[in-house]
Amino acid sequence: MAELNPIGIAVPFFFGLMVIEFLYARLRGRSLYRFNDTIAALTCGMGDQIVGLLSSILVLGIYQYVYASFGQLSMSVSEPLTWVVGIVAVDLCYYAYHRFSHRVNFAWATHVVHHQSEEYNLAVALRQSWFTQSYSWVFYMPLAVLGLPTVVWAGSFAANLLYQYWIHTRAIGKLGPIEWVMNTPSHHRVHHGTNPEYIDKNYAGIFIVWDRLFGTFEDEEAEVLYGIMKPVRAWDPLTANVMPIVTLARDSWAQARLTDKLKMWIAEPGWTPAGVVQPAFPAPGRGYDVNMEPRLTLYILTHLVPVGVTTAFVIAYSKLWPASWLALGAAYIFWTGMNWSGLIEGKRWGRVSEWSRLVAVGLAGGTGALMLTGPLVWVAVSVVTLSMLSLPWFGLQTRPVAA
C-alpha cells in the first residue's frame, strides 16, 4: 500500500467532489461548469499525470542523490516534527516556485495553462501544465541539502497538491479567522483573477502567511474575472500547453538585438524593449465557447468513466506496474482526450480518430479476454462491450441532422 501514489487514490474523490459541486450549484440556480471547458481541463490534467510518470522518477532520483550526498541534518522519518517541518518547508518552496512561474516569461509560458480557463471550479484544479515539471523541482533542492528525507519531501509535496484541490471553487465563501493563516477558496479566487488589482497575488499553496509576509497578498473584494490576458481559443490540451511556448519563441525571435532575444525568455510577462506593456482589461478575445458536437455530451461522459478509472490506476500503480502496462494506459488516456477536443472543436480528424480508437480498443480488449486470467478477463470483456456498443452510438450521434 505504501507504494501506491496518493494522487491516484484521490482521483475518484476528485470526480466525486466535482459532481457534488455541480449538483450543489444547480440546486442554488448557479452555473459553475461548461462542458467544453471542463473536458479541456480534465484532458490537460490527464496529460500532466502521464508526463509525470517519467519526470517523477528522474526528480526523485535527483532529490535522493542530493539528500544522500549533501544533506546537513539527520531528520528521522518516524518523528512527527520531521513531517511538520516537511509540510511547512515544502509550502514555502512552493510559494517561491509559484511566484517565479508568474514573474519570469519562460516559466509563465508553461504555468499559464493552469490559468487559461475562464471558469473557476474543481475541474480547473486538475488543469495542469505538462512542462512545469522540467524546472519546478529545482526549488525543492534546498530541502535535500537541509536533510529532509526523500519520503518526507515526496509525501509533503503530494499533500500540498491535494490541499490545493478544494480551494478551486466558487461554492465556498470566506471562512473567517482561518483566512489569516490558511489559503482558502476566497484567496485563491483572487489568484486566478485578471482584475488589475488581483494579478500576481496570493501565490500560497497551503499557508497564506507567505503572501502576507512577502507583500503579495490581496483580499477578495471586487468580483473576480477569471482567465488570462491573452486567451487561448482552443480546447485541445496540446495547443493549450504548446502554443504559449511557441508564442514566446516567436516573440523572442522577432527582437532585433541578441540581448533582447535572450532577455525575452527571462523578463517578466509583457516585457518589450520599450518597457512592460500592460494589456487592456478585460482581455480581448474572451468568451470562447465552441461546442460543435453537443449531442455527444452523454457519449463523452460515458467514456469518461473508463478513462478516469484508467487514469487513477495508472497513477496509483505507477511504481508497481510494468512499463508496457503504463505505456498502454497512457496511450489510451491521451488518444481519448485528444479525440474529445477534436470532436468538440468540430475537427474532421476527430471523427476519424474516434472511429479508429473504438476499433483499436475493442480489438485490444478482445485480445486481452483471450490471454488474461482471473478478474482481468472481465475487465477486458467490459472494454470490448463498451467499444462495440459505442460504434453504432457514435455513428448515430454524429450523423447529419435532417433539415
Protein backbone atom coordinates (compact mmCIF):
# COMPACT_ATOMS: atom_id res chain seq x y z
CA MET A 1 0.00 0.00 0.00
CA ALA A 2 2.88 2.36 0.76
CA GLU A 3 4.00 2.05 -2.87
CA LEU A 4 0.72 3.46 -4.18
CA ASN A 5 0.72 7.06 -5.41
CA PRO A 6 -1.74 9.05 -3.23
CA ILE A 7 -2.69 11.25 -6.18
CA GLY A 8 -4.04 8.20 -8.00
CA ILE A 9 -6.00 7.12 -4.94
CA ALA A 10 -7.52 10.61 -4.76
CA VAL A 11 -8.76 10.64 -8.39
CA PRO A 12 -12.19 9.05 -7.62
CA PHE A 13 -12.67 11.62 -4.84
CA PHE A 14 -11.76 14.43 -7.26
CA PHE A 15 -14.51 13.33 -9.64
CA GLY A 16 -17.00 12.73 -6.84
CA LEU A 17 -16.48 16.21 -5.42
CA MET A 18 -16.87 17.72 -8.89
CA VAL A 19 -20.28 16.04 -9.20
CA ILE A 20 -21.29 17.34 -5.77
CA GLU A 21 -20.16 20.87 -6.67
CA PHE A 22 -22.08 20.71 -9.95
CA LEU A 23 -25.29 19.49 -8.29
CA TYR A 24 -24.99 22.00 -5.43
CA ALA A 25 -24.62 24.85 -7.93
CA ARG A 26 -27.64 23.64 -9.91
CA LEU A 27 -29.75 23.49 -6.75
CA ARG A 28 -28.71 27.07 -5.99
CA GLY A 29 -29.55 28.18 -9.53
CA ARG A 30 -25.91 28.78 -10.44
CA SER A 31 -23.85 27.59 -13.40
CA LEU A 32 -20.25 26.79 -12.47
CA TYR A 33 -19.40 24.37 -15.29
CA ARG A 34 -19.28 24.43 -19.07
CA PHE A 35 -18.93 21.02 -20.68
CA ASN A 36 -16.30 22.03 -23.24
CA ASP A 37 -14.19 23.89 -20.69
CA THR A 38 -14.40 21.02 -18.20
CA ILE A 39 -13.27 18.43 -20.76
CA ALA A 40 -10.35 20.69 -21.70
CA ALA A 41 -9.34 20.96 -18.04
CA LEU A 42 -9.54 17.21 -17.49
CA THR A 43 -7.53 16.36 -20.60
CA CYS A 44 -4.81 18.81 -19.58
CA GLY A 45 -4.73 17.20 -16.16
CA MET A 46 -4.55 13.66 -17.51
CA GLY A 47 -1.71 14.67 -19.82
CA ASP A 48 0.15 16.21 -16.89
CA GLN A 49 -0.05 12.95 -14.98
CA ILE A 50 1.20 10.99 -18.00
CA VAL A 51 4.23 13.26 -18.27
CA GLY A 52 4.67 12.91 -14.52
CA LEU A 53 5.11 9.15 -14.85
CA LEU A 54 8.52 9.79 -16.38
CA SER A 55 9.57 13.03 -14.71
CA SER A 56 8.80 11.86 -11.17
CA ILE A 57 11.30 9.00 -11.45
CA LEU A 58 14.05 11.40 -12.52
CA VAL A 59 13.19 14.06 -9.95
CA LEU A 60 13.03 11.59 -7.07
CA GLY A 61 16.40 10.23 -8.16
CA ILE A 62 17.95 13.71 -8.21
CA TYR A 63 16.47 14.61 -4.83
CA GLN A 64 17.69 11.35 -3.27
CA TYR A 65 21.20 11.88 -4.65
CA VAL A 66 21.43 15.44 -3.31
CA TYR A 67 19.96 14.35 0.04
CA ALA A 68 22.35 11.41 0.40
CA SER A 69 25.40 13.40 -0.74
CA PHE A 70 24.88 16.82 0.83
CA GLY A 71 22.12 16.53 3.48
CA GLN A 72 23.24 18.51 6.54
CA LEU A 73 20.79 17.42 9.24
CA SER A 74 19.78 14.00 10.49
CA MET A 75 15.98 14.04 10.46
CA SER A 76 14.04 10.92 11.43
CA VAL A 77 11.12 9.87 9.27
CA SER A 78 9.38 8.47 12.36
CA GLU A 79 9.40 11.83 14.17
CA PRO A 80 6.17 13.87 13.76
CA LEU A 81 8.25 17.06 13.88
CA THR A 82 10.03 16.00 10.70
CA TRP A 83 6.72 15.84 8.89
CA VAL A 84 5.63 19.20 10.29
CA VAL A 85 8.89 20.72 9.02
CA GLY A 86 8.31 18.98 5.69
CA ILE A 87 4.79 20.37 5.21
CA VAL A 88 5.81 23.93 6.12
CA ALA A 89 9.11 23.93 4.22
CA VAL A 90 7.62 22.39 1.08
CA ASP A 91 4.90 25.04 1.11
CA LEU A 92 7.50 27.82 1.37
CA CYS A 93 9.40 26.34 -1.57
CA TYR A 94 6.12 26.04 -3.47
CA TYR A 95 5.49 29.74 -2.84
CA ALA A 96 8.92 30.57 -4.30
CA TYR A 97 8.34 28.36 -7.34
CA HIS A 98 4.81 29.67 -7.87
CA ARG A 99 5.88 33.30 -7.69
CA PHE A 100 8.74 32.60 -10.11
CA SER A 101 6.34 30.91 -12.53
CA HIS A 102 4.28 34.10 -12.74
CA ARG A 103 7.13 36.60 -12.96
CA VAL A 104 9.53 35.00 -15.49
CA ASN A 105 8.44 34.62 -19.09
CA PHE A 106 9.63 31.09 -19.86
CA ALA A 107 8.10 29.81 -16.61
CA TRP A 108 4.82 31.63 -17.20
CA ALA A 109 4.64 30.12 -20.69
CA THR A 110 4.31 26.72 -19.00
CA HIS A 111 2.31 27.60 -15.90
CA VAL A 112 -0.21 29.72 -17.83
CA VAL A 113 -2.09 26.54 -18.79
CA HIS A 114 -3.49 26.34 -15.27
CA HIS A 115 -4.97 29.84 -15.61
CA GLN A 116 -6.45 29.62 -19.12
CA SER A 117 -9.96 28.66 -18.04
CA GLU A 118 -12.49 31.46 -17.72
CA GLU A 119 -14.42 29.32 -15.25
CA TYR A 120 -13.46 28.56 -11.66
CA ASN A 121 -14.42 25.17 -10.32
CA LEU A 122 -12.87 21.96 -9.04
CA ALA A 123 -12.12 20.81 -12.59
CA VAL A 124 -9.81 23.81 -13.00
CA ALA A 125 -7.70 22.44 -10.15
CA LEU A 126 -6.88 19.48 -12.41
CA ARG A 127 -5.95 21.69 -15.37
CA GLN A 128 -2.18 21.41 -15.02
CA SER A 129 0.75 22.13 -17.29
CA TRP A 130 2.78 19.38 -18.90
CA PHE A 131 6.09 21.25 -18.76
CA THR A 132 6.47 22.94 -15.37
CA GLN A 133 7.93 19.70 -14.08
CA SER A 134 11.03 20.37 -16.19
CA TYR A 135 12.22 23.07 -13.77
CA SER A 136 9.95 23.30 -10.70
CA TRP A 137 11.94 20.58 -8.88
CA VAL A 138 14.92 22.96 -8.58
CA PHE A 139 13.07 24.99 -5.95
CA TYR A 140 12.91 22.00 -3.61
CA MET A 141 16.59 21.05 -3.72
CA PRO A 142 17.45 23.26 -0.69
CA LEU A 143 15.32 20.85 1.36
CA ALA A 144 17.51 17.94 0.23
CA VAL A 145 20.60 19.90 1.29
CA LEU A 146 18.90 20.71 4.60
CA GLY A 147 18.44 16.98 5.16
CA LEU A 148 14.70 16.49 4.73
CA PRO A 149 14.29 12.77 3.90
CA THR A 150 13.12 11.96 0.38
CA VAL A 151 9.99 10.17 1.56
CA VAL A 152 9.01 13.17 3.70
CA TRP A 153 9.57 15.56 0.82
CA ALA A 154 7.55 13.40 -1.58
CA GLY A 155 4.72 12.96 0.93
CA SER A 156 4.63 16.66 1.81
CA PHE A 157 4.65 17.58 -1.88
CA ALA A 158 1.68 15.27 -2.53
CA ALA A 159 -0.15 16.74 0.48
CA ASN A 160 0.47 20.24 -0.88
CA LEU A 161 -1.07 19.32 -4.24
CA LEU A 162 -4.04 17.57 -2.65
CA TYR A 163 -4.77 20.52 -0.37
CA GLN A 164 -4.99 22.90 -3.31
CA TYR A 165 -7.78 20.92 -4.96
CA TRP A 166 -10.58 22.11 -2.67
CA ILE A 167 -9.72 25.81 -2.93
CA HIS A 168 -10.66 25.89 -6.62
CA THR A 169 -14.35 26.60 -6.10
CA ARG A 170 -16.87 29.43 -6.06
CA ALA A 171 -19.25 27.40 -3.90
CA ILE A 172 -17.46 28.32 -0.65
CA GLY A 173 -17.36 31.87 0.66
CA LYS A 174 -14.98 33.46 3.13
CA LEU A 175 -14.05 31.38 6.17
CA GLY A 176 -13.49 33.91 8.95
CA PRO A 177 -10.31 33.72 11.08
CA ILE A 178 -9.00 30.78 9.02
CA GLU A 179 -8.35 33.29 6.25
CA TRP A 180 -5.49 34.81 8.26
CA VAL A 181 -3.35 31.68 8.16
CA MET A 182 -4.61 29.23 5.56
CA ASN A 183 -5.07 29.51 1.83
CA THR A 184 -8.80 29.39 1.10
CA PRO A 185 -11.12 29.44 -1.91
CA SER A 186 -11.53 33.19 -1.49
CA HIS A 187 -7.77 33.80 -1.52
CA HIS A 188 -7.21 31.52 -4.49
CA ARG A 189 -10.05 33.03 -6.49
CA VAL A 190 -8.07 36.26 -6.33
CA HIS A 191 -5.01 34.44 -7.65
CA HIS A 192 -6.94 33.31 -10.74
CA GLY A 193 -8.34 36.77 -11.43
CA THR A 194 -7.40 39.06 -14.32
CA ASN A 195 -8.62 42.14 -12.46
CA PRO A 196 -5.66 44.60 -12.34
CA GLU A 197 -5.59 44.55 -8.54
CA TYR A 198 -5.60 40.73 -8.46
CA ILE A 199 -2.84 39.93 -10.96
CA ASP A 200 0.20 38.22 -9.40
CA LYS A 201 -1.28 37.95 -5.93
CA ASN A 202 -1.81 35.10 -3.44
CA TYR A 203 0.80 32.57 -4.55
CA ALA A 204 0.46 30.35 -1.47
CA GLY A 205 -0.21 26.64 -1.60
CA ILE A 206 -1.39 25.84 1.94
CA PHE A 207 -0.40 28.80 4.15
CA ILE A 208 -1.42 32.30 3.06
CA VAL A 209 1.02 33.72 5.64
CA TRP A 210 3.78 33.66 2.99
CA ASP A 211 1.86 36.19 0.89
CA ARG A 212 1.19 38.33 3.94
CA LEU A 213 4.89 38.25 4.88
CA PHE A 214 6.28 38.90 1.39
CA GLY A 215 3.80 41.57 0.25
CA THR A 216 1.85 39.61 -2.36
CA PHE A 217 -1.46 39.29 -0.51
CA GLU A 218 -4.73 40.70 -1.81
CA ASP A 219 -8.15 40.24 -0.26
CA GLU A 220 -11.16 39.31 -2.39
CA GLU A 221 -13.42 42.33 -2.76
CA ALA A 222 -14.44 43.04 -6.36
CA GLU A 223 -15.99 40.18 -8.35
CA VAL A 224 -13.26 38.09 -9.96
CA LEU A 225 -12.94 37.88 -13.75
CA TYR A 226 -11.14 34.60 -14.42
CA GLY A 227 -8.78 33.64 -17.23
CA ILE A 228 -5.64 35.16 -18.72
CA MET A 229 -4.84 38.38 -20.55
CA LYS A 230 -4.08 36.55 -23.81
CA PRO A 231 -6.91 33.98 -24.07
CA VAL A 232 -6.32 30.68 -25.87
CA ARG A 233 -9.22 29.98 -28.21
CA ALA A 234 -8.94 26.20 -28.34
CA TRP A 235 -9.91 23.20 -26.22
CA ASP A 236 -7.26 20.66 -27.09
CA PRO A 237 -4.57 20.13 -24.44
CA LEU A 238 -1.72 20.10 -26.97
CA THR A 239 -2.49 23.64 -28.12
CA ALA A 240 -3.06 24.78 -24.54
CA ASN A 241 0.37 23.56 -23.46
CA VAL A 242 2.50 24.19 -26.54
CA MET A 243 1.12 27.42 -28.01
CA PRO A 244 2.27 29.75 -25.17
CA ILE A 245 5.82 28.44 -25.56
CA VAL A 246 5.68 28.79 -29.36
CA THR A 247 4.35 32.35 -28.99
CA LEU A 248 7.18 33.25 -26.62
CA ALA A 249 9.73 31.76 -29.03
CA ARG A 250 8.28 33.84 -31.88
CA ASP A 251 8.36 37.00 -29.78
CA SER A 252 11.97 36.29 -28.88
CA TRP A 253 12.95 35.65 -32.50
CA ALA A 254 11.26 38.89 -33.60
CA GLN A 255 13.58 41.03 -31.48
CA ALA A 256 16.31 42.87 -33.39
CA ARG A 257 19.09 42.58 -30.80
CA LEU A 258 20.52 39.33 -29.49
CA THR A 259 20.38 40.60 -25.91
CA ASP A 260 16.66 41.30 -26.30
CA LYS A 261 16.08 37.87 -27.83
CA LEU A 262 17.59 36.30 -24.73
CA LYS A 263 16.01 38.71 -22.26
CA MET A 264 12.55 37.93 -23.64
CA TRP A 265 12.79 34.46 -22.02
CA ILE A 266 13.72 35.69 -18.54
CA ALA A 267 11.93 39.04 -18.40
CA GLU A 268 8.57 39.49 -16.75
CA PRO A 269 5.44 38.76 -18.82
CA GLY A 270 4.52 41.70 -21.01
CA TRP A 271 8.11 42.95 -21.33
CA THR A 272 9.27 44.63 -24.57
CA PRO A 273 12.47 46.57 -25.29
CA ALA A 274 10.38 49.74 -24.90
CA GLY A 275 9.08 48.69 -21.48
CA VAL A 276 6.41 46.48 -19.96
CA VAL A 277 3.09 46.58 -21.82
CA GLN A 278 0.00 46.39 -19.63
CA PRO A 279 -2.79 44.66 -21.57
CA ALA A 280 -6.29 46.08 -21.64
CA PHE A 281 -8.84 44.86 -19.10
CA PRO A 282 -10.96 42.91 -19.75
CA ALA A 283 -8.74 41.00 -22.15
CA PRO A 284 -9.83 40.97 -25.81
CA GLY A 285 -10.67 37.54 -27.20
CA ARG A 286 -12.52 36.27 -24.14
CA GLY A 287 -15.65 34.14 -24.34
CA TYR A 288 -14.54 31.18 -26.48
CA ASP A 289 -17.39 28.68 -26.12
CA VAL A 290 -17.34 26.39 -29.15
CA ASN A 291 -19.07 23.00 -28.91
CA MET A 292 -19.66 21.58 -32.36
CA GLU A 293 -20.96 18.22 -31.13
CA PRO A 294 -23.46 18.90 -28.30
CA ARG A 295 -25.17 15.54 -28.99
CA LEU A 296 -22.00 13.77 -27.85
CA THR A 297 -22.17 15.05 -24.27
CA LEU A 298 -23.58 11.82 -22.82
CA TYR A 299 -21.31 9.75 -25.06
CA ILE A 300 -18.17 11.55 -23.81
CA LEU A 301 -19.32 11.43 -20.19
CA THR A 302 -19.85 7.68 -20.52
CA HIS A 303 -16.34 7.18 -21.84
CA LEU A 304 -15.00 9.50 -19.14
CA VAL A 305 -15.72 6.72 -16.62
CA PRO A 306 -13.24 4.15 -18.00
CA VAL A 307 -10.73 6.88 -18.80
CA GLY A 308 -10.99 8.20 -15.24
CA VAL A 309 -10.60 4.70 -13.81
CA THR A 310 -7.59 4.05 -16.05
CA THR A 311 -6.03 7.36 -15.01
CA ALA A 312 -6.50 6.53 -11.33
CA PHE A 313 -4.90 3.09 -11.70
CA VAL A 314 -2.02 4.28 -13.90
CA ILE A 315 -1.12 6.99 -11.37
CA ALA A 316 -1.70 4.87 -8.26
CA TYR A 317 0.26 1.88 -9.56
CA SER A 318 2.98 3.79 -11.43
CA LYS A 319 5.66 2.24 -9.19
CA LEU A 320 4.28 -1.28 -9.42
CA TRP A 321 3.07 -1.89 -12.96
CA PRO A 322 5.43 -2.89 -15.79
CA ALA A 323 6.35 -0.15 -18.24
CA SER A 324 4.33 -1.79 -21.02
CA TRP A 325 1.11 -1.55 -18.98
CA LEU A 326 1.78 2.08 -18.08
CA ALA A 327 2.52 2.94 -21.71
CA LEU A 328 -0.67 1.23 -22.89
CA GLY A 329 -2.75 3.06 -20.30
CA ALA A 330 -1.11 6.38 -21.10
CA ALA A 331 -1.73 5.93 -24.84
CA TYR A 332 -5.40 5.12 -24.21
CA ILE A 333 -5.83 8.19 -21.99
CA PHE A 334 -4.05 10.58 -24.37
CA TRP A 335 -5.75 9.28 -27.52
CA THR A 336 -9.19 9.52 -25.96
CA GLY A 337 -8.62 13.03 -24.59
CA MET A 338 -7.34 14.38 -27.89
CA ASN A 339 -10.35 12.91 -29.69
CA TRP A 340 -12.72 14.67 -27.32
CA SER A 341 -11.15 18.04 -28.02
CA GLY A 342 -11.19 17.40 -31.75
CA LEU A 343 -14.88 16.47 -31.67
CA ILE A 344 -15.88 19.47 -29.55
CA GLU A 345 -13.98 21.81 -31.87
CA GLY A 346 -15.57 20.19 -34.95
CA LYS A 347 -12.29 18.93 -36.39
CA ARG A 348 -12.71 16.41 -39.19
CA TRP A 349 -9.87 14.27 -37.86
CA GLY A 350 -11.73 13.97 -34.55
CA ARG A 351 -14.40 11.70 -36.01
CA VAL A 352 -11.94 9.56 -37.98
CA SER A 353 -9.69 9.20 -34.95
CA GLU A 354 -12.59 8.26 -32.67
CA TRP A 355 -13.77 5.55 -35.06
CA SER A 356 -10.21 4.22 -35.12
CA ARG A 357 -9.92 4.37 -31.34
CA LEU A 358 -13.13 2.40 -30.77
CA VAL A 359 -11.98 -0.34 -33.13
CA ALA A 360 -8.45 -0.43 -31.67
CA VAL A 361 -9.67 -0.53 -28.06
CA GLY A 362 -12.21 -3.23 -28.94
CA LEU A 363 -9.52 -5.38 -30.58
CA ALA A 364 -7.15 -4.83 -27.65
CA GLY A 365 -9.89 -5.81 -25.22
CA GLY A 366 -10.73 -8.90 -27.26
CA THR A 367 -7.08 -9.95 -27.28
CA GLY A 368 -6.91 -9.39 -23.53
CA ALA A 369 -10.02 -11.50 -22.95
CA LEU A 370 -8.31 -14.41 -24.70
CA MET A 371 -4.94 -14.05 -22.99
CA LEU A 372 -5.72 -12.85 -19.46
CA THR A 373 -6.99 -14.79 -16.47
CA GLY A 374 -8.97 -14.06 -13.32
CA PRO A 375 -10.78 -10.73 -12.78
CA LEU A 376 -8.81 -9.10 -15.60
CA VAL A 377 -10.82 -11.17 -18.08
CA TRP A 378 -13.98 -9.35 -17.02
CA VAL A 379 -12.21 -6.01 -17.38
CA ALA A 380 -11.30 -6.95 -20.96
CA VAL A 381 -14.85 -8.14 -21.69
CA SER A 382 -16.22 -4.82 -20.36
CA VAL A 383 -13.84 -2.90 -22.63
CA VAL A 384 -14.95 -4.90 -25.66
CA THR A 385 -18.63 -4.47 -24.81
CA LEU A 386 -18.33 -0.70 -24.38
CA SER A 387 -16.39 -0.33 -27.63
CA MET A 388 -18.83 -2.44 -29.65
CA LEU A 389 -21.89 -0.65 -28.27
CA SER A 390 -20.21 2.71 -28.83
CA LEU A 391 -19.67 2.15 -32.55
CA PRO A 392 -23.36 2.47 -33.52
CA TRP A 393 -23.97 5.02 -30.74
CA PHE A 394 -21.20 7.27 -32.04
CA GLY A 395 -22.44 6.85 -35.61
CA LEU A 396 -25.99 7.85 -34.70
CA GLN A 397 -24.91 10.88 -32.70
CA THR A 398 -22.60 12.25 -35.39
CA ARG A 399 -24.74 11.72 -38.47
CA PRO A 400 -26.08 14.91 -40.09
CA VAL A 401 -29.38 16.19 -38.72
CA ALA A 402 -32.15 16.29 -41.34
CA ALA A 403 -33.19 19.79 -42.30
